Amino acid sequence: MVNDPAEYPWSSYHFNALGIENHLLKPHSVYKELGVDEVTCRTQYLALFSNPIPIADMEIIRTATNKAWVLGNDRFKAKVEKILNRQMQQKPHGGDRRSEIFKSQ
């Protein structure tokens, strides 16, 4: 959507990272755990944005989000599938139904 979170007008980034007051927002409990005071919290929050997410990782995140799949290792995915009783990751495709090998099975 944007190259820098400060470019997105509806983001809480302005409040959390830049200290711009917004009467609609209050610091989240996780944000407060970033430091002992507002300056430390803001500094730590800004550090979260200092390294961009690699494009390959963004594609994995987008695909999982768009297809409602779970991100994580195989054990985690299997656990979530079992709890929810639904497929949470892509399964291998079936055989090539046009191939001679498939037709001979």
N, C-alpha and C. Protein backbone atom coordinates (compact mmCIF):
# COMPACT_ATOMS: atom_id res chain seq x y z
N MET A 1 0.81 -1.19 0.00
CA MET A 1 0.00 0.00 0.00
C MET A 1 0.86 1.26 0.00
N VAL A 2 1.85 1.28 0.89
CA VAL A 2 2.77 2.42 0.96
C VAL A 2 4.17 1.89 1.24
N ASN A 3 5.16 2.71 0.94
CA ASN A 3 6.55 2.32 1.21
C ASN A 3 6.95 2.55 2.65
N ASP A 4 6.33 3.52 3.29
CA ASP A 4 6.65 3.86 4.67
C ASP A 4 5.35 3.95 5.45
N PRO A 5 5.29 3.34 6.64
CA PRO A 5 4.03 3.37 7.39
C PRO A 5 3.54 4.78 7.72
N ALA A 6 4.43 5.74 7.77
CA ALA A 6 4.03 7.12 8.04
C ALA A 6 3.22 7.71 6.89
N GLU A 7 3.31 7.10 5.70
CA GLU A 7 2.57 7.57 4.54
C GLU A 7 1.10 7.17 4.58
N TYR A 8 0.77 6.20 5.41
CA TYR A 8 -0.61 5.72 5.47
C TYR A 8 -1.37 6.52 6.53
N PRO A 9 -2.35 7.31 6.13
CA PRO A 9 -3.00 8.23 7.08
C PRO A 9 -3.82 7.55 8.17
N TRP A 10 -4.27 6.32 7.96
CA TRP A 10 -5.15 5.67 8.93
C TRP A 10 -4.40 4.73 9.86
N SER A 11 -3.09 4.77 9.85
CA SER A 11 -2.27 3.90 10.68
C SER A 11 -2.07 4.48 12.08
N SER A 12 -1.96 3.60 13.06
CA SER A 12 -1.63 4.05 14.42
C SER A 12 -0.13 4.35 14.54
N TYR A 13 0.61 4.15 13.46
CA TYR A 13 2.04 4.43 13.45
C TYR A 13 2.32 5.87 13.88
N HIS A 14 1.52 6.81 13.41
CA HIS A 14 1.72 8.22 13.76
C HIS A 14 1.67 8.42 15.27
N PHE A 15 0.76 7.73 15.91
CA PHE A 15 0.58 7.81 17.35
C PHE A 15 1.71 7.09 18.08
N ASN A 16 1.98 5.84 17.68
CA ASN A 16 2.96 5.01 18.39
C ASN A 16 4.41 5.38 18.10
N ALA A 17 4.71 5.66 16.85
CA ALA A 17 6.10 5.89 16.47
C ALA A 17 6.50 7.37 16.51
N LEU A 18 5.58 8.23 16.16
CA LEU A 18 5.91 9.63 16.02
C LEU A 18 5.41 10.50 17.17
N GLY A 19 4.58 9.90 18.03
CA GLY A 19 4.08 10.63 19.19
C GLY A 19 3.04 11.68 18.86
N ILE A 20 2.41 11.56 17.70
CA ILE A 20 1.36 12.51 17.32
C ILE A 20 0.08 12.14 18.06
N GLU A 21 -0.45 13.08 18.81
CA GLU A 21 -1.64 12.82 19.63
C GLU A 21 -2.84 12.46 18.77
N ASN A 22 -3.62 11.51 19.27
CA ASN A 22 -4.86 11.10 18.61
C ASN A 22 -5.81 10.68 19.72
N HIS A 23 -6.86 11.45 19.92
CA HIS A 23 -7.78 11.17 21.02
C HIS A 23 -8.55 9.86 20.84
N LEU A 24 -8.49 9.28 19.65
CA LEU A 24 -9.17 8.00 19.40
C LEU A 24 -8.34 6.79 19.82
N LEU A 25 -7.06 7.01 20.09
CA LEU A 25 -6.15 5.92 20.39
C LEU A 25 -5.60 6.01 21.81
N LYS A 26 -5.27 4.84 22.35
CA LYS A 26 -4.54 4.78 23.60
C LYS A 26 -3.48 3.70 23.43
N PRO A 27 -2.36 3.80 24.13
CA PRO A 27 -1.29 2.82 23.95
C PRO A 27 -1.76 1.40 24.27
N HIS A 28 -1.46 0.48 23.38
CA HIS A 28 -1.79 -0.93 23.56
C HIS A 28 -0.90 -1.53 24.63
N SER A 29 -1.38 -2.55 25.32
CA SER A 29 -0.59 -3.17 26.39
C SER A 29 0.73 -3.74 25.87
N VAL A 30 0.73 -4.28 24.66
CA VAL A 30 1.97 -4.82 24.08
C VAL A 30 2.95 -3.67 23.79
N TYR A 31 2.42 -2.56 23.32
CA TYR A 31 3.26 -1.37 23.08
C TYR A 31 3.90 -0.92 24.39
N LYS A 32 3.14 -0.90 25.45
CA LYS A 32 3.65 -0.46 26.76
C LYS A 32 4.76 -1.38 27.27
N GLU A 33 4.75 -2.63 26.85
CA GLU A 33 5.78 -3.58 27.29
C GLU A 33 7.11 -3.39 26.57
N LEU A 34 7.14 -2.52 25.58
CA LEU A 34 8.38 -2.28 24.83
C LEU A 34 9.40 -1.50 25.64
N GLY A 35 8.97 -0.82 26.69
CA GLY A 35 9.92 -0.04 27.48
C GLY A 35 9.30 0.47 28.76
N VAL A 36 10.15 1.09 29.57
CA VAL A 36 9.70 1.58 30.87
C VAL A 36 9.09 2.98 30.79
N ASP A 37 9.35 3.69 29.68
CA ASP A 37 8.77 5.02 29.52
C ASP A 37 8.39 5.22 28.05
N GLU A 38 7.72 6.34 27.78
CA GLU A 38 7.21 6.61 26.43
C GLU A 38 8.33 6.69 25.40
N VAL A 39 9.43 7.32 25.76
CA VAL A 39 10.55 7.46 24.82
C VAL A 39 11.11 6.09 24.44
N THR A 40 11.30 5.23 25.41
CA THR A 40 11.83 3.89 25.14
C THR A 40 10.84 3.08 24.31
N CYS A 41 9.58 3.15 24.65
CA CYS A 41 8.55 2.44 23.87
C CYS A 41 8.57 2.89 22.42
N ARG A 42 8.62 4.20 22.21
CA ARG A 42 8.63 4.75 20.86
C ARG A 42 9.87 4.31 20.10
N THR A 43 11.02 4.34 20.76
CA THR A 43 12.28 3.94 20.13
C THR A 43 12.23 2.47 19.71
N GLN A 44 11.75 1.62 20.61
CA GLN A 44 11.65 0.20 20.30
C GLN A 44 10.64 -0.07 19.20
N TYR A 45 9.53 0.66 19.22
CA TYR A 45 8.50 0.52 18.19
C TYR A 45 9.07 0.91 16.82
N LEU A 46 9.79 2.02 16.77
CA LEU A 46 10.41 2.45 15.52
C LEU A 46 11.39 1.41 15.00
N ALA A 47 12.11 0.74 15.90
CA ALA A 47 13.08 -0.28 15.50
C ALA A 47 12.40 -1.45 14.79
N LEU A 48 11.14 -1.70 15.12
CA LEU A 48 10.41 -2.78 14.45
C LEU A 48 10.27 -2.54 12.95
N PHE A 49 10.36 -1.30 12.54
CA PHE A 49 10.18 -0.93 11.14
C PHE A 49 11.49 -0.64 10.42
N SER A 50 12.62 -0.86 11.09
CA SER A 50 13.91 -0.49 10.50
C SER A 50 14.37 -1.46 9.42
N ASN A 51 13.92 -2.70 9.45
CA ASN A 51 14.31 -3.68 8.43
C ASN A 51 13.08 -4.09 7.64
N PRO A 52 13.10 -3.85 6.32
CA PRO A 52 11.92 -4.23 5.53
C PRO A 52 11.76 -5.75 5.47
N ILE A 53 10.54 -6.18 5.32
CA ILE A 53 10.25 -7.61 5.18
C ILE A 53 10.65 -8.01 3.76
N PRO A 54 11.45 -9.07 3.60
CA PRO A 54 11.86 -9.50 2.26
C PRO A 54 10.65 -9.80 1.37
N ILE A 55 10.78 -9.52 0.09
CA ILE A 55 9.68 -9.70 -0.86
C ILE A 55 9.17 -11.14 -0.85
N ALA A 56 10.07 -12.11 -0.78
CA ALA A 56 9.65 -13.52 -0.78
C ALA A 56 8.78 -13.81 0.45
N ASP A 57 9.14 -13.26 1.60
CA ASP A 57 8.34 -13.46 2.81
C ASP A 57 6.98 -12.78 2.68
N MET A 58 6.96 -11.60 2.06
CA MET A 58 5.69 -10.90 1.86
C MET A 58 4.76 -11.72 0.98
N GLU A 59 5.29 -12.38 -0.02
CA GLU A 59 4.47 -13.22 -0.90
C GLU A 59 3.89 -14.40 -0.13
N ILE A 60 4.68 -14.99 0.75
CA ILE A 60 4.20 -16.11 1.57
C ILE A 60 3.08 -15.62 2.49
N ILE A 61 3.27 -14.46 3.09
CA ILE A 61 2.25 -13.90 3.99
C ILE A 61 0.98 -13.57 3.21
N ARG A 62 1.12 -12.95 2.04
CA ARG A 62 -0.05 -12.60 1.22
C ARG A 62 -0.83 -13.83 0.80
N THR A 63 -0.12 -14.84 0.34
CA THR A 63 -0.78 -16.07 -0.11
C THR A 63 -1.54 -16.72 1.03
N ALA A 64 -0.88 -16.84 2.18
CA ALA A 64 -1.53 -17.46 3.34
C ALA A 64 -2.75 -16.64 3.77
N THR A 65 -2.63 -15.33 3.76
CA THR A 65 -3.74 -14.48 4.16
C THR A 65 -4.90 -14.60 3.18
N ASN A 66 -4.61 -14.52 1.90
CA ASN A 66 -5.66 -14.57 0.88
C ASN A 66 -6.37 -15.92 0.82
N LYS A 67 -5.66 -16.98 1.18
CA LYS A 67 -6.26 -18.31 1.12
C LYS A 67 -6.66 -18.84 2.49
N ALA A 68 -6.54 -18.01 3.51
CA ALA A 68 -6.89 -18.38 4.88
C ALA A 68 -6.12 -19.61 5.36
N TRP A 69 -4.83 -19.66 5.01
CA TRP A 69 -3.96 -20.72 5.47
C TRP A 69 -3.22 -20.25 6.72
N VAL A 70 -2.64 -21.19 7.42
CA VAL A 70 -1.87 -20.89 8.63
C VAL A 70 -0.40 -20.78 8.28
N LEU A 71 0.28 -19.81 8.88
CA LEU A 71 1.73 -19.69 8.74
C LEU A 71 2.38 -20.33 9.96
N GLY A 72 3.40 -21.10 9.73
CA GLY A 72 4.12 -21.75 10.82
C GLY A 72 4.75 -23.04 10.32
N ASN A 73 5.38 -23.77 11.23
CA ASN A 73 5.99 -25.03 10.83
C ASN A 73 4.92 -26.11 10.67
N ASP A 74 5.32 -27.26 10.15
CA ASP A 74 4.36 -28.33 9.86
C ASP A 74 3.63 -28.80 11.12
N ARG A 75 4.33 -28.87 12.22
CA ARG A 75 3.71 -29.31 13.48
C ARG A 75 2.60 -28.34 13.91
N PHE A 76 2.88 -27.05 13.82
CA PHE A 76 1.90 -26.03 14.19
C PHE A 76 0.69 -26.10 13.26
N LYS A 77 0.94 -26.22 11.96
CA LYS A 77 -0.15 -26.29 10.98
C LYS A 77 -1.04 -27.50 11.25
N ALA A 78 -0.42 -28.65 11.52
CA ALA A 78 -1.18 -29.86 11.79
C ALA A 78 -2.03 -29.70 13.05
N LYS A 79 -1.48 -29.06 14.05
CA LYS A 79 -2.22 -28.85 15.30
C LYS A 79 -3.44 -27.97 15.07
N VAL A 80 -3.26 -26.88 14.32
CA VAL A 80 -4.38 -25.99 14.03
C VAL A 80 -5.43 -26.71 13.19
N GLU A 81 -5.00 -27.49 12.20
CA GLU A 81 -5.95 -28.24 11.37
C GLU A 81 -6.77 -29.21 12.23
N LYS A 82 -6.11 -29.86 13.16
CA LYS A 82 -6.80 -30.81 14.03
C LYS A 82 -7.83 -30.10 14.92
N ILE A 83 -7.42 -28.98 15.51
CA ILE A 83 -8.32 -28.24 16.40
C ILE A 83 -9.53 -27.71 15.64
N LEU A 84 -9.30 -27.16 14.46
CA LEU A 84 -10.38 -26.54 13.69
C LEU A 84 -11.11 -27.53 12.77
N ASN A 85 -10.51 -28.70 12.60
CA ASN A 85 -11.07 -29.73 11.73
C ASN A 85 -11.31 -29.18 10.32
N ARG A 86 -10.31 -28.48 9.81
CA ARG A 86 -10.37 -27.98 8.44
C ARG A 86 -8.97 -27.80 7.90
N GLN A 87 -8.85 -27.90 6.59
CA GLN A 87 -7.56 -27.76 5.92
C GLN A 87 -7.06 -26.34 6.08
N MET A 88 -5.81 -26.19 6.49
CA MET A 88 -5.23 -24.87 6.72
C MET A 88 -3.97 -24.63 5.89
N GLN A 89 -3.68 -25.53 4.96
CA GLN A 89 -2.53 -25.36 4.10
C GLN A 89 -2.77 -26.07 2.78
N GLN A 90 -2.00 -25.68 1.78
CA GLN A 90 -2.17 -26.27 0.46
C GLN A 90 -1.72 -27.72 0.48
N LYS A 91 -2.51 -28.55 -0.12
CA LYS A 91 -2.16 -29.97 -0.25
C LYS A 91 -1.60 -30.19 -1.65
N PRO A 92 -0.80 -31.24 -1.83
CA PRO A 92 -0.27 -31.52 -3.16
C PRO A 92 -1.41 -31.81 -4.15
N HIS A 93 -1.22 -31.39 -5.38
CA HIS A 93 -2.22 -31.64 -6.40
C HIS A 93 -2.21 -33.11 -6.78
N GLY A 94 -3.31 -33.57 -7.32
CA GLY A 94 -3.40 -34.95 -7.78
C GLY A 94 -2.55 -35.17 -9.00
N GLY A 95 -2.59 -36.37 -9.50
CA GLY A 95 -1.78 -36.72 -10.66
C GLY A 95 -2.28 -36.06 -11.92
N ASP A 96 -1.49 -36.14 -12.94
CA ASP A 96 -1.86 -35.61 -14.25
C ASP A 96 -2.80 -36.62 -14.89
N ARG A 97 -4.07 -36.34 -14.87
CA ARG A 97 -5.08 -37.28 -15.34
C ARG A 97 -4.96 -37.59 -16.83
N ARG A 98 -4.20 -36.80 -17.56
CA ARG A 98 -4.02 -37.03 -18.99
C ARG A 98 -2.82 -37.94 -19.28
N SER A 99 -1.96 -38.14 -18.29
CA SER A 99 -0.75 -38.91 -18.55
C SER A 99 -1.06 -40.40 -18.66
N GLU A 100 -0.23 -41.09 -19.40
CA GLU A 100 -0.41 -42.54 -19.58
C GLU A 100 -0.21 -43.28 -18.25
N ILE A 101 0.71 -42.79 -17.42
CA ILE A 101 0.97 -43.43 -16.13
C ILE A 101 -0.28 -43.36 -15.27
N PHE A 102 -0.93 -42.20 -15.21
CA PHE A 102 -2.13 -42.04 -14.39
C PHE A 102 -3.25 -42.93 -14.93
N LYS A 103 -3.42 -42.96 -16.26
CA LYS A 103 -4.50 -43.75 -16.86
C LYS A 103 -4.30 -45.25 -16.65
N SER A 104 -3.05 -45.67 -16.47
CA SER A 104 -2.79 -47.10 -16.32
C SER A 104 -2.95 -47.57 -14.87
N GLN A 105 -3.18 -46.66 -13.95
CA GLN A 105 -3.28 -47.04 -12.53
C GLN A 105 -4.67 -47.56 -12.22
